[in-house]
Amino acid sequence: MSETVVHVLRHGEVYNPDQILYGRLPGFRLSELGVQMAKAAAQALAERNVVHVVASPLERAQQTAEPIAAQFGLPVGVDERLIESANWFEGKRVSPGDGSFRDPRNWWVLRDPVTPSWGEAYRVIAERMFAALHAARIAAEGREAVLVSHQLPIWTLRRYVERKRLWHDPRRRQCGLASLTSFHFDGAKVVGIGYTEPAAHLIAISPTARTAKGA
């Protein structure tokens, strides 16, 4: 049986001038640089045998999928299982050093970093992403698929497949903007995971890319 590859792509940079954690909020689209990142990802996949493109329903993911689907003459499917994780801090300005995590009013929300208490359970994220991964594998059997999702769901999926604990230090995630985490299958079994950053040169010139919130 020939190999099947499912590339899980994080969306590009988002226009977020107020620097809030946008999460699942509507209306957050790619910045001009983010559009370039999406094109860089598409170019990186240009010689691949992609037959299936699906994205999270959020605008930034749909936009990131568009140039990939266009170059292969494919529609962009929607899979709710690829959506950003739910987060109690959605719509708020939250970042290391701004005092949010030291504010006693937030301590109850932050009480459990393992589940975690402030958002969707890592286990739930992992299971829905794993189901979406295998649905794409089946759809692209023997060829390749692209799923466009978000940083935390992608990183949680990778840790789940690698049989690592799901709670982690967010600063150590290997999941840059417009990065590709590629799952290689032999039948239904994952036999390898690759990682590339086709938009690294664009991230390097972005003043906000390394601190992107709600990604």
N, C-alpha and C. Protein backbone atom coordinates (compact mmCIF):
# COMPACT_ATOMS: atom_id res chain seq x y z
N MET A 1 0.85 -1.19 0.00
CA MET A 1 0.00 0.00 0.00
C MET A 1 0.89 1.24 0.00
N SER A 2 0.56 2.25 -0.83
CA SER A 2 1.37 3.45 -0.90
C SER A 2 1.13 4.34 0.31
N GLU A 3 2.08 5.20 0.58
CA GLU A 3 2.02 6.08 1.73
C GLU A 3 0.97 7.17 1.56
N THR A 4 0.30 7.51 2.65
CA THR A 4 -0.62 8.64 2.69
C THR A 4 0.00 9.68 3.62
N VAL A 5 -0.06 10.95 3.21
CA VAL A 5 0.48 12.03 4.04
C VAL A 5 -0.63 13.04 4.31
N VAL A 6 -0.80 13.41 5.56
CA VAL A 6 -1.73 14.48 5.93
C VAL A 6 -0.91 15.61 6.53
N HIS A 7 -0.89 16.73 5.84
CA HIS A 7 -0.18 17.92 6.29
C HIS A 7 -1.14 18.76 7.12
N VAL A 8 -0.79 19.06 8.36
CA VAL A 8 -1.63 19.91 9.21
C VAL A 8 -0.95 21.27 9.30
N LEU A 9 -1.59 22.25 8.71
CA LEU A 9 -1.03 23.58 8.54
C LEU A 9 -1.63 24.57 9.52
N ARG A 10 -0.77 25.29 10.22
CA ARG A 10 -1.27 26.39 11.05
C ARG A 10 -1.49 27.60 10.13
N HIS A 11 -2.53 28.36 10.41
CA HIS A 11 -2.84 29.54 9.58
C HIS A 11 -1.73 30.60 9.68
N GLY A 12 -1.80 31.60 8.80
CA GLY A 12 -0.83 32.69 8.80
C GLY A 12 -1.15 33.76 9.84
N GLU A 13 -0.31 34.78 9.85
CA GLU A 13 -0.46 35.88 10.81
C GLU A 13 -1.83 36.56 10.67
N VAL A 14 -2.41 36.93 11.81
CA VAL A 14 -3.73 37.55 11.85
C VAL A 14 -3.61 39.05 12.14
N TYR A 15 -4.48 39.84 11.52
CA TYR A 15 -4.54 41.27 11.82
C TYR A 15 -5.23 41.43 13.17
N ASN A 16 -4.48 41.85 14.16
CA ASN A 16 -4.96 41.92 15.54
C ASN A 16 -4.34 43.14 16.23
N PRO A 17 -4.70 44.35 15.81
CA PRO A 17 -4.05 45.55 16.33
C PRO A 17 -4.23 45.77 17.83
N ASP A 18 -5.32 45.23 18.40
CA ASP A 18 -5.56 45.40 19.84
C ASP A 18 -4.90 44.32 20.68
N GLN A 19 -4.25 43.36 20.01
CA GLN A 19 -3.51 42.30 20.69
C GLN A 19 -4.34 41.57 21.75
N ILE A 20 -5.55 41.16 21.35
CA ILE A 20 -6.37 40.37 22.26
C ILE A 20 -6.23 38.90 21.92
N LEU A 21 -6.66 38.06 22.84
CA LEU A 21 -6.70 36.63 22.57
C LEU A 21 -8.03 36.38 21.85
N TYR A 22 -7.97 36.22 20.53
CA TYR A 22 -9.20 36.21 19.73
C TYR A 22 -9.87 34.84 19.68
N GLY A 23 -9.13 33.78 19.89
CA GLY A 23 -9.74 32.46 20.00
C GLY A 23 -10.70 32.13 18.86
N ARG A 24 -11.96 31.89 19.21
CA ARG A 24 -12.99 31.55 18.23
C ARG A 24 -13.82 32.74 17.77
N LEU A 25 -13.44 33.95 18.18
CA LEU A 25 -14.22 35.12 17.81
C LEU A 25 -14.23 35.30 16.29
N PRO A 26 -15.36 35.71 15.73
CA PRO A 26 -15.42 35.94 14.27
C PRO A 26 -14.75 37.25 13.89
N GLY A 27 -14.42 37.38 12.62
CA GLY A 27 -13.93 38.65 12.10
C GLY A 27 -12.42 38.82 12.13
N PHE A 28 -11.69 37.84 12.61
CA PHE A 28 -10.23 37.96 12.65
C PHE A 28 -9.64 37.28 11.42
N ARG A 29 -9.17 38.12 10.50
CA ARG A 29 -8.67 37.66 9.21
C ARG A 29 -7.16 37.81 9.14
N LEU A 30 -6.57 37.27 8.10
CA LEU A 30 -5.13 37.37 7.94
C LEU A 30 -4.69 38.81 7.69
N SER A 31 -3.52 39.14 8.21
CA SER A 31 -2.89 40.42 7.88
C SER A 31 -2.33 40.31 6.47
N GLU A 32 -1.81 41.40 5.95
CA GLU A 32 -1.18 41.35 4.63
C GLU A 32 -0.01 40.36 4.63
N LEU A 33 0.75 40.37 5.72
CA LEU A 33 1.87 39.43 5.83
C LEU A 33 1.34 38.00 5.96
N GLY A 34 0.22 37.84 6.66
CA GLY A 34 -0.39 36.53 6.79
C GLY A 34 -0.81 35.94 5.45
N VAL A 35 -1.30 36.79 4.57
CA VAL A 35 -1.66 36.34 3.21
C VAL A 35 -0.42 35.83 2.49
N GLN A 36 0.70 36.53 2.66
CA GLN A 36 1.95 36.08 2.06
C GLN A 36 2.39 34.75 2.64
N MET A 37 2.17 34.57 3.94
CA MET A 37 2.52 33.30 4.59
C MET A 37 1.72 32.16 4.00
N ALA A 38 0.43 32.40 3.76
CA ALA A 38 -0.42 31.37 3.17
C ALA A 38 0.09 30.99 1.78
N LYS A 39 0.52 31.99 1.01
CA LYS A 39 1.06 31.72 -0.32
C LYS A 39 2.37 30.95 -0.24
N ALA A 40 3.18 31.25 0.79
CA ALA A 40 4.45 30.52 0.97
C ALA A 40 4.18 29.06 1.28
N ALA A 41 3.17 28.80 2.10
CA ALA A 41 2.80 27.41 2.40
C ALA A 41 2.32 26.70 1.15
N ALA A 42 1.51 27.39 0.35
CA ALA A 42 1.02 26.80 -0.89
C ALA A 42 2.17 26.47 -1.83
N GLN A 43 3.13 27.36 -1.92
CA GLN A 43 4.28 27.12 -2.78
C GLN A 43 5.07 25.91 -2.31
N ALA A 44 5.19 25.75 -1.00
CA ALA A 44 5.93 24.61 -0.44
C ALA A 44 5.26 23.28 -0.79
N LEU A 45 3.96 23.32 -1.03
CA LEU A 45 3.21 22.10 -1.33
C LEU A 45 2.95 21.90 -2.82
N ALA A 46 3.45 22.81 -3.63
CA ALA A 46 3.10 22.83 -5.06
C ALA A 46 3.40 21.54 -5.80
N GLU A 47 4.47 20.85 -5.41
CA GLU A 47 4.86 19.62 -6.11
C GLU A 47 4.32 18.36 -5.44
N ARG A 48 3.49 18.54 -4.42
CA ARG A 48 2.94 17.39 -3.71
C ARG A 48 1.67 16.90 -4.41
N ASN A 49 1.25 15.70 -4.07
CA ASN A 49 0.08 15.08 -4.68
C ASN A 49 -1.15 15.30 -3.79
N VAL A 50 -1.52 16.57 -3.63
CA VAL A 50 -2.62 16.93 -2.72
C VAL A 50 -3.96 16.77 -3.43
N VAL A 51 -4.86 16.03 -2.80
CA VAL A 51 -6.18 15.78 -3.40
C VAL A 51 -7.33 16.17 -2.46
N HIS A 52 -7.00 16.70 -1.29
CA HIS A 52 -8.04 16.97 -0.29
C HIS A 52 -7.57 18.13 0.58
N VAL A 53 -8.39 19.20 0.67
CA VAL A 53 -8.06 20.37 1.47
C VAL A 53 -9.25 20.71 2.36
N VAL A 54 -9.01 20.76 3.65
CA VAL A 54 -10.06 21.03 4.63
C VAL A 54 -9.52 22.02 5.65
N ALA A 55 -10.38 22.91 6.16
CA ALA A 55 -9.93 23.91 7.13
C ALA A 55 -10.94 24.07 8.26
N SER A 56 -10.44 24.60 9.34
CA SER A 56 -11.28 25.08 10.43
C SER A 56 -12.26 26.09 9.87
N PRO A 57 -13.43 26.26 10.48
CA PRO A 57 -14.41 27.23 9.96
C PRO A 57 -14.02 28.69 10.18
N LEU A 58 -13.01 28.96 11.00
CA LEU A 58 -12.64 30.34 11.28
C LEU A 58 -11.99 31.00 10.07
N GLU A 59 -12.23 32.30 9.91
CA GLU A 59 -11.82 33.02 8.70
C GLU A 59 -10.35 32.87 8.38
N ARG A 60 -9.50 32.97 9.39
CA ARG A 60 -8.06 32.93 9.15
C ARG A 60 -7.60 31.59 8.60
N ALA A 61 -8.26 30.52 9.03
CA ALA A 61 -7.92 29.19 8.51
C ALA A 61 -8.44 29.02 7.09
N GLN A 62 -9.65 29.49 6.83
CA GLN A 62 -10.20 29.40 5.48
C GLN A 62 -9.35 30.19 4.48
N GLN A 63 -8.92 31.39 4.89
CA GLN A 63 -8.06 32.20 4.03
C GLN A 63 -6.73 31.50 3.74
N THR A 64 -6.17 30.86 4.74
CA THR A 64 -4.88 30.18 4.57
C THR A 64 -5.01 29.00 3.62
N ALA A 65 -6.16 28.34 3.65
CA ALA A 65 -6.39 27.19 2.78
C ALA A 65 -6.60 27.57 1.32
N GLU A 66 -7.11 28.77 1.07
CA GLU A 66 -7.53 29.14 -0.28
C GLU A 66 -6.45 29.02 -1.35
N PRO A 67 -5.22 29.56 -1.15
CA PRO A 67 -4.24 29.43 -2.23
C PRO A 67 -3.79 28.00 -2.48
N ILE A 68 -3.85 27.16 -1.47
CA ILE A 68 -3.49 25.75 -1.65
C ILE A 68 -4.56 25.06 -2.48
N ALA A 69 -5.82 25.26 -2.11
CA ALA A 69 -6.91 24.64 -2.85
C ALA A 69 -6.93 25.13 -4.29
N ALA A 70 -6.67 26.43 -4.48
CA ALA A 70 -6.72 27.00 -5.83
C ALA A 70 -5.67 26.38 -6.75
N GLN A 71 -4.46 26.15 -6.22
CA GLN A 71 -3.42 25.63 -7.11
C GLN A 71 -3.64 24.17 -7.49
N PHE A 72 -4.47 23.46 -6.72
CA PHE A 72 -4.78 22.08 -7.07
C PHE A 72 -6.19 21.94 -7.66
N GLY A 73 -6.90 23.05 -7.83
CA GLY A 73 -8.24 23.00 -8.39
C GLY A 73 -9.23 22.28 -7.48
N LEU A 74 -9.08 22.48 -6.17
CA LEU A 74 -9.92 21.78 -5.20
C LEU A 74 -10.78 22.76 -4.41
N PRO A 75 -11.91 22.32 -3.89
CA PRO A 75 -12.68 23.16 -2.97
C PRO A 75 -12.04 23.11 -1.58
N VAL A 76 -12.37 24.11 -0.76
CA VAL A 76 -11.93 24.09 0.64
C VAL A 76 -13.08 23.54 1.47
N GLY A 77 -12.88 22.36 2.03
CA GLY A 77 -13.88 21.79 2.91
C GLY A 77 -13.81 22.42 4.30
N VAL A 78 -14.83 22.21 5.08
CA VAL A 78 -14.88 22.73 6.46
C VAL A 78 -15.06 21.56 7.41
N ASP A 79 -14.23 21.54 8.45
CA ASP A 79 -14.36 20.52 9.49
C ASP A 79 -14.32 21.22 10.84
N GLU A 80 -15.43 21.20 11.55
CA GLU A 80 -15.54 21.86 12.85
C GLU A 80 -14.53 21.30 13.86
N ARG A 81 -14.08 20.08 13.63
CA ARG A 81 -13.13 19.47 14.58
C ARG A 81 -11.76 20.13 14.54
N LEU A 82 -11.50 20.94 13.52
CA LEU A 82 -10.22 21.63 13.38
C LEU A 82 -10.21 23.01 14.03
N ILE A 83 -11.31 23.40 14.66
CA ILE A 83 -11.45 24.75 15.19
C ILE A 83 -10.48 25.02 16.35
N GLU A 84 -10.23 26.31 16.60
CA GLU A 84 -9.40 26.72 17.73
C GLU A 84 -10.02 26.20 19.03
N SER A 85 -9.20 25.99 20.05
CA SER A 85 -9.69 25.54 21.34
C SER A 85 -10.46 26.65 22.05
N ALA A 86 -11.46 26.26 22.83
CA ALA A 86 -12.21 27.23 23.62
C ALA A 86 -11.32 27.72 24.76
N ASN A 87 -11.48 29.01 25.13
CA ASN A 87 -10.62 29.60 26.16
C ASN A 87 -11.39 30.66 26.93
N TRP A 88 -11.32 30.59 28.27
CA TRP A 88 -12.02 31.53 29.14
C TRP A 88 -11.55 32.96 28.90
N PHE A 89 -10.29 33.13 28.48
CA PHE A 89 -9.72 34.47 28.30
C PHE A 89 -10.01 35.06 26.91
N GLU A 90 -10.80 34.38 26.12
CA GLU A 90 -11.12 34.87 24.78
C GLU A 90 -11.69 36.29 24.84
N GLY A 91 -11.15 37.16 23.98
CA GLY A 91 -11.60 38.55 23.93
C GLY A 91 -10.88 39.47 24.89
N LYS A 92 -9.97 38.91 25.69
CA LYS A 92 -9.23 39.70 26.66
C LYS A 92 -7.78 39.87 26.21
N ARG A 93 -7.14 40.89 26.75
CA ARG A 93 -5.72 41.08 26.49
C ARG A 93 -4.96 40.31 27.57
N VAL A 94 -4.33 39.25 27.15
CA VAL A 94 -3.62 38.37 28.08
C VAL A 94 -2.28 38.00 27.46
N SER A 95 -1.21 38.27 28.21
CA SER A 95 0.12 37.86 27.74
C SER A 95 1.06 37.83 28.93
N PRO A 96 2.13 37.04 28.86
CA PRO A 96 3.10 36.99 29.95
C PRO A 96 3.64 38.38 30.25
N GLY A 97 3.61 38.74 31.53
CA GLY A 97 4.16 40.03 31.92
C GLY A 97 3.13 41.14 32.05
N ASP A 98 1.87 40.88 31.63
CA ASP A 98 0.88 41.96 31.71
C ASP A 98 0.10 41.95 33.02
N GLY A 99 0.41 41.00 33.91
CA GLY A 99 -0.23 40.95 35.22
C GLY A 99 -1.47 40.10 35.29
N SER A 100 -1.97 39.61 34.17
CA SER A 100 -3.20 38.82 34.17
C SER A 100 -3.10 37.57 35.02
N PHE A 101 -1.93 36.93 34.98
CA PHE A 101 -1.77 35.66 35.70
C PHE A 101 -1.49 35.88 37.19
N ARG A 102 -1.21 37.13 37.58
CA ARG A 102 -1.00 37.43 39.00
C ARG A 102 -2.24 38.06 39.64
N ASP A 103 -3.23 38.36 38.82
CA ASP A 103 -4.45 38.98 39.31
C ASP A 103 -5.27 37.95 40.08
N PRO A 104 -5.53 38.18 41.37
CA PRO A 104 -6.30 37.20 42.18
C PRO A 104 -7.66 36.85 41.59
N ARG A 105 -8.24 37.75 40.81
CA ARG A 105 -9.55 37.48 40.22
C ARG A 105 -9.48 36.35 39.18
N ASN A 106 -8.29 36.07 38.70
CA ASN A 106 -8.12 35.01 37.69
C ASN A 106 -7.60 33.70 38.26
N TRP A 107 -7.28 33.69 39.53
CA TRP A 107 -6.64 32.49 40.10
C TRP A 107 -7.53 31.26 40.03
N TRP A 108 -8.84 31.41 40.24
CA TRP A 108 -9.73 30.26 40.19
C TRP A 108 -9.74 29.65 38.79
N VAL A 109 -9.72 30.52 37.79
CA VAL A 109 -9.71 30.05 36.41
C VAL A 109 -8.41 29.30 36.10
N LEU A 110 -7.32 29.72 36.72
CA LEU A 110 -6.00 29.15 36.45
C LEU A 110 -5.62 28.01 37.38
N ARG A 111 -6.57 27.51 38.16
CA ARG A 111 -6.25 26.57 39.23
C ARG A 111 -5.70 25.23 38.75
N ASP A 112 -6.03 24.82 37.53
CA ASP A 112 -5.67 23.48 37.06
C ASP A 112 -5.00 23.56 35.68
N PRO A 113 -3.67 23.53 35.63
CA PRO A 113 -2.98 23.60 34.33
C PRO A 113 -2.97 22.28 33.57
N VAL A 114 -3.38 21.21 34.18
CA VAL A 114 -3.29 19.89 33.56
C VAL A 114 -4.50 19.61 32.67
N THR A 115 -5.69 20.06 33.08
CA THR A 115 -6.90 19.73 32.29
C THR A 115 -7.00 20.49 30.97
N PRO A 116 -6.92 21.81 30.85
CA PRO A 116 -6.75 22.85 31.86
C PRO A 116 -8.09 23.47 32.28
N SER A 117 -8.08 24.19 33.40
CA SER A 117 -9.32 24.76 33.93
C SER A 117 -9.80 25.98 33.17
N TRP A 118 -8.93 26.60 32.37
CA TRP A 118 -9.32 27.84 31.69
C TRP A 118 -9.85 27.63 30.27
N GLY A 119 -9.94 26.37 29.85
CA GLY A 119 -10.42 26.17 28.48
C GLY A 119 -10.79 24.73 28.19
N GLU A 120 -10.93 24.45 26.92
CA GLU A 120 -11.27 23.11 26.47
C GLU A 120 -10.23 22.10 26.93
N ALA A 121 -10.67 20.96 27.38
CA ALA A 121 -9.75 19.94 27.89
C ALA A 121 -8.82 19.45 26.78
N TYR A 122 -7.54 19.30 27.12
CA TYR A 122 -6.57 18.81 26.14
C TYR A 122 -7.01 17.48 25.54
N ARG A 123 -7.59 16.62 26.35
CA ARG A 123 -8.02 15.31 25.86
C ARG A 123 -9.11 15.46 24.80
N VAL A 124 -10.03 16.38 25.01
CA VAL A 124 -11.10 16.62 24.03
C VAL A 124 -10.52 17.16 22.73
N ILE A 125 -9.59 18.11 22.85
CA ILE A 125 -8.93 18.67 21.66
C ILE A 125 -8.22 17.56 20.89
N ALA A 126 -7.46 16.74 21.61
CA ALA A 126 -6.70 15.67 20.97
C ALA A 126 -7.61 14.69 20.23
N GLU A 127 -8.69 14.31 20.84
CA GLU A 127 -9.58 13.31 20.24
C GLU A 127 -10.29 13.85 19.00
N ARG A 128 -10.72 15.10 19.04
CA ARG A 128 -11.39 15.64 17.84
C ARG A 128 -10.40 15.85 16.70
N MET A 129 -9.18 16.30 17.03
CA MET A 129 -8.17 16.50 16.00
C MET A 129 -7.72 15.16 15.41
N PHE A 130 -7.61 14.15 16.24
CA PHE A 130 -7.21 12.82 15.78
C PHE A 130 -8.27 12.25 14.84
N ALA A 131 -9.54 12.48 15.16
CA ALA A 131 -10.62 12.03 14.28
C ALA A 131 -10.57 12.75 12.94
N ALA A 132 -10.29 14.06 12.97
CA ALA A 132 -10.19 14.83 11.72
C ALA A 132 -8.99 14.37 10.89
N LEU A 133 -7.90 14.04 11.57
CA LEU A 133 -6.69 13.55 10.88
C LEU A 133 -7.00 12.26 10.12
N HIS A 134 -7.68 11.33 10.78
CA HIS A 134 -7.97 10.05 10.13
C HIS A 134 -9.03 10.18 9.04
N ALA A 135 -9.96 11.11 9.21
CA ALA A 135 -10.93 11.35 8.14
C ALA A 135 -10.22 11.83 6.88
N ALA A 136 -9.22 12.71 7.07
CA ALA A 136 -8.45 13.20 5.92
C ALA A 136 -7.60 12.09 5.32
N ARG A 137 -7.05 11.23 6.16
CA ARG A 137 -6.26 10.09 5.66
C ARG A 137 -7.10 9.21 4.76
N ILE A 138 -8.30 8.94 5.18
CA ILE A 138 -9.19 8.09 4.39
C ILE A 138 -9.56 8.77 3.06
N ALA A 139 -9.82 10.08 3.13
CA ALA A 139 -10.22 10.81 1.93
C ALA A 139 -9.10 10.89 0.89
N ALA A 140 -7.85 10.87 1.37
CA ALA A 140 -6.70 11.02 0.46
C ALA A 140 -5.89 9.74 0.35
N GLU A 141 -6.48 8.61 0.61
CA GLU A 141 -5.78 7.33 0.65
C GLU A 141 -4.75 7.18 -0.49
N GLY A 142 -3.49 6.98 -0.10
CA GLY A 142 -2.43 6.79 -1.07
C GLY A 142 -1.89 8.08 -1.67
N ARG A 143 -2.47 9.20 -1.26
CA ARG A 143 -2.03 10.51 -1.78
C ARG A 143 -1.85 11.46 -0.59
N GLU A 144 -2.18 12.74 -0.75
CA GLU A 144 -1.90 13.68 0.33
C GLU A 144 -3.08 14.62 0.57
N ALA A 145 -3.21 15.04 1.83
CA ALA A 145 -4.27 15.97 2.22
C ALA A 145 -3.66 17.10 3.03
N VAL A 146 -4.38 18.22 3.07
CA VAL A 146 -3.97 19.38 3.88
C VAL A 146 -5.13 19.76 4.79
N LEU A 147 -4.84 19.87 6.08
CA LEU A 147 -5.80 20.36 7.06
C LEU A 147 -5.27 21.67 7.62
N VAL A 148 -6.10 22.70 7.68
CA VAL A 148 -5.67 23.98 8.24
C VAL A 148 -6.34 24.19 9.58
N SER A 149 -5.52 24.38 10.61
CA SER A 149 -6.04 24.50 11.96
C SER A 149 -5.24 25.58 12.71
N HIS A 150 -5.11 25.39 14.02
CA HIS A 150 -4.59 26.42 14.91
C HIS A 150 -3.50 25.84 15.82
N GLN A 151 -2.72 26.71 16.41
CA GLN A 151 -1.51 26.25 17.11
C GLN A 151 -1.77 25.21 18.20
N LEU A 152 -2.61 25.54 19.17
CA LEU A 152 -2.83 24.61 20.28
C LEU A 152 -3.44 23.28 19.82
N PRO A 153 -4.46 23.28 18.98
CA PRO A 153 -4.97 21.98 18.50
C PRO A 153 -3.93 21.15 17.75
N ILE A 154 -3.11 21.81 16.93
CA ILE A 154 -2.09 21.07 16.18
C ILE A 154 -1.05 20.48 17.12
N TRP A 155 -0.57 21.29 18.06
CA TRP A 155 0.46 20.81 18.98
C TRP A 155 -0.08 19.71 19.88
N THR A 156 -1.34 19.85 20.31
CA THR A 156 -1.96 18.82 21.14
C THR A 156 -2.08 17.52 20.36
N LEU A 157 -2.48 17.61 19.10
CA LEU A 157 -2.56 16.42 18.24
C LEU A 157 -1.21 15.74 18.13
N ARG A 158 -0.18 16.51 17.88
CA ARG A 158 1.15 15.91 17.73
C ARG A 158 1.57 15.19 19.01
N ARG A 159 1.36 15.83 20.16
CA ARG A 159 1.74 15.19 21.42
C ARG A 159 0.91 13.92 21.66
N TYR A 160 -0.34 13.95 21.27
CA TYR A 160 -1.21 12.79 21.43
C TYR A 160 -0.71 11.62 20.58
N VAL A 161 -0.38 11.90 19.34
CA VAL A 161 0.12 10.85 18.44
C VAL A 161 1.46 10.32 18.92
N GLU A 162 2.29 11.19 19.46
CA GLU A 162 3.60 10.79 19.98
C GLU A 162 3.53 10.17 21.38
N ARG A 163 2.33 10.06 21.92
CA ARG A 163 2.07 9.45 23.23
C ARG A 163 2.81 10.20 24.35
N LYS A 164 2.80 11.51 24.25
CA LYS A 164 3.38 12.36 25.29
C LYS A 164 2.25 12.95 26.12
N ARG A 165 2.56 13.40 27.32
CA ARG A 165 1.52 14.03 28.14
C ARG A 165 1.03 15.28 27.41
N LEU A 166 -0.26 15.57 27.55
CA LEU A 166 -0.87 16.63 26.76
C LEU A 166 -0.64 18.02 27.34
N TRP A 167 -0.55 18.14 28.64
CA TRP A 167 -0.27 19.47 29.20
C TRP A 167 1.22 19.78 29.00
N HIS A 168 1.52 21.04 28.77
CA HIS A 168 2.87 21.40 28.33
C HIS A 168 3.11 22.89 28.54
N ASP A 169 4.33 23.31 28.31
CA ASP A 169 4.71 24.72 28.37
C ASP A 169 4.44 25.34 27.00
N PRO A 170 3.51 26.29 26.89
CA PRO A 170 3.19 26.88 25.58
C PRO A 170 4.40 27.50 24.87
N ARG A 171 5.38 27.91 25.64
CA ARG A 171 6.57 28.55 25.04
C ARG A 171 7.42 27.55 24.29
N ARG A 172 7.18 26.27 24.48
CA ARG A 172 7.99 25.23 23.84
C ARG A 172 7.31 24.56 22.66
N ARG A 173 6.18 25.10 22.23
CA ARG A 173 5.48 24.50 21.10
C ARG A 173 6.28 24.68 19.80
N GLN A 174 6.37 23.63 19.04
CA GLN A 174 6.98 23.70 17.71
C GLN A 174 5.84 23.77 16.70
N CYS A 175 5.34 24.98 16.50
CA CYS A 175 4.20 25.16 15.62
C CYS A 175 4.10 26.63 15.23
N GLY A 176 5.03 27.08 14.39
CA GLY A 176 5.06 28.47 13.96
C GLY A 176 3.93 28.79 13.00
N LEU A 177 3.74 30.08 12.76
CA LEU A 177 2.72 30.51 11.81
C LEU A 177 2.99 29.91 10.43
N ALA A 178 1.93 29.41 9.81
CA ALA A 178 2.00 28.79 8.48
C ALA A 178 2.99 27.63 8.42
N SER A 179 3.17 26.97 9.55
CA SER A 179 4.05 25.79 9.58
C SER A 179 3.26 24.54 9.21
N LEU A 180 3.99 23.54 8.73
CA LEU A 180 3.40 22.27 8.32
C LEU A 180 3.88 21.14 9.24
N THR A 181 2.94 20.52 9.92
CA THR A 181 3.23 19.31 10.69
C THR A 181 2.64 18.16 9.87
N SER A 182 3.51 17.33 9.32
CA SER A 182 3.09 16.32 8.34
C SER A 182 3.10 14.92 8.94
N PHE A 183 1.95 14.26 8.90
CA PHE A 183 1.79 12.92 9.44
C PHE A 183 1.84 11.92 8.28
N HIS A 184 2.79 11.00 8.34
CA HIS A 184 2.98 9.99 7.30
C HIS A 184 2.36 8.68 7.76
N PHE A 185 1.51 8.11 6.92
CA PHE A 185 0.78 6.89 7.27
C PHE A 185 1.18 5.72 6.38
N ASP A 186 1.27 4.56 7.00
CA ASP A 186 1.31 3.29 6.30
C ASP A 186 0.01 2.60 6.67
N GLY A 187 -0.95 2.60 5.76
CA GLY A 187 -2.29 2.17 6.13
C GLY A 187 -2.87 3.16 7.12
N ALA A 188 -3.34 2.66 8.26
CA ALA A 188 -3.91 3.54 9.28
C ALA A 188 -2.90 3.91 10.37
N LYS A 189 -1.67 3.45 10.22
CA LYS A 189 -0.65 3.67 11.25
C LYS A 189 0.25 4.85 10.91
N VAL A 190 0.44 5.75 11.88
CA VAL A 190 1.38 6.85 11.69
C VAL A 190 2.80 6.29 11.82
N VAL A 191 3.60 6.48 10.78
CA VAL A 191 4.96 5.94 10.78
C VAL A 191 6.01 7.04 10.80
N GLY A 192 5.58 8.29 10.77
CA GLY A 192 6.53 9.39 10.83
C GLY A 192 5.82 10.72 10.92
N ILE A 193 6.49 11.70 11.54
CA ILE A 193 5.96 13.05 11.63
C ILE A 193 7.06 14.02 11.22
N GLY A 194 6.76 14.88 10.26
CA GLY A 194 7.71 15.88 9.81
C GLY A 194 7.25 17.28 10.17
N TYR A 195 8.18 18.22 10.17
CA TYR A 195 7.84 19.61 10.51
C TYR A 195 8.66 20.56 9.65
N THR A 196 8.00 21.51 9.01
CA THR A 196 8.70 22.52 8.22
C THR A 196 8.04 23.88 8.43
N GLU A 197 8.81 24.93 8.19
CA GLU A 197 8.31 26.30 8.32
C GLU A 197 8.55 27.06 7.01
N PRO A 198 7.68 26.89 6.04
CA PRO A 198 7.87 27.56 4.75
C PRO A 198 7.78 29.08 4.81
N ALA A 199 7.21 29.62 5.89
CA ALA A 199 7.07 31.07 6.03
C ALA A 199 8.04 31.64 7.05
N ALA A 200 9.10 30.91 7.37
CA ALA A 200 10.04 31.36 8.39
C ALA A 200 10.63 32.73 8.06
N HIS A 201 10.89 32.96 6.78
CA HIS A 201 11.48 34.24 6.36
C HIS A 201 10.51 35.40 6.58
N LEU A 202 9.23 35.12 6.58
CA LEU A 202 8.22 36.14 6.82
C LEU A 202 7.99 36.36 8.31
N ILE A 203 8.05 35.28 9.07
CA ILE A 203 7.94 35.41 10.52
C ILE A 203 9.07 36.28 11.06
N ALA A 204 10.23 36.15 10.44
CA ALA A 204 11.40 36.90 10.90
C ALA A 204 11.24 38.41 10.76
N ILE A 205 10.39 38.85 9.84
CA ILE A 205 10.21 40.29 9.65
C ILE A 205 8.91 40.81 10.26
N SER A 206 8.17 39.94 10.93
CA SER A 206 6.91 40.36 11.54
C SER A 206 7.14 40.82 12.98
N PRO A 207 6.65 42.00 13.34
CA PRO A 207 6.82 42.47 14.72
C PRO A 207 5.90 41.76 15.72
N THR A 208 4.89 41.04 15.23
CA THR A 208 3.91 40.41 16.12
C THR A 208 3.83 38.90 16.01
N ALA A 209 4.46 38.31 15.02
CA ALA A 209 4.27 36.88 14.73
C ALA A 209 4.64 35.99 15.90
N ARG A 210 5.69 36.32 16.64
CA ARG A 210 6.13 35.43 17.71
C ARG A 210 5.30 35.55 18.97
N THR A 211 4.40 36.54 19.00
CA THR A 211 3.53 36.67 20.16
C THR A 211 2.06 36.60 19.76
N ALA A 212 1.78 35.98 18.61
CA ALA A 212 0.40 35.91 18.11
C ALA A 212 -0.50 35.23 19.13
N LYS A 213 -1.66 35.86 19.41
CA LYS A 213 -2.58 35.34 20.42
C LYS A 213 -3.76 34.66 19.76
N GLY A 214 -4.33 33.70 20.48
CA GLY A 214 -5.53 33.03 19.98
C GLY A 214 -5.30 32.36 18.66
N ALA A 215 -4.08 31.86 18.42
CA ALA A 215 -3.71 31.36 17.10
C ALA A 215 -4.11 29.94 16.86
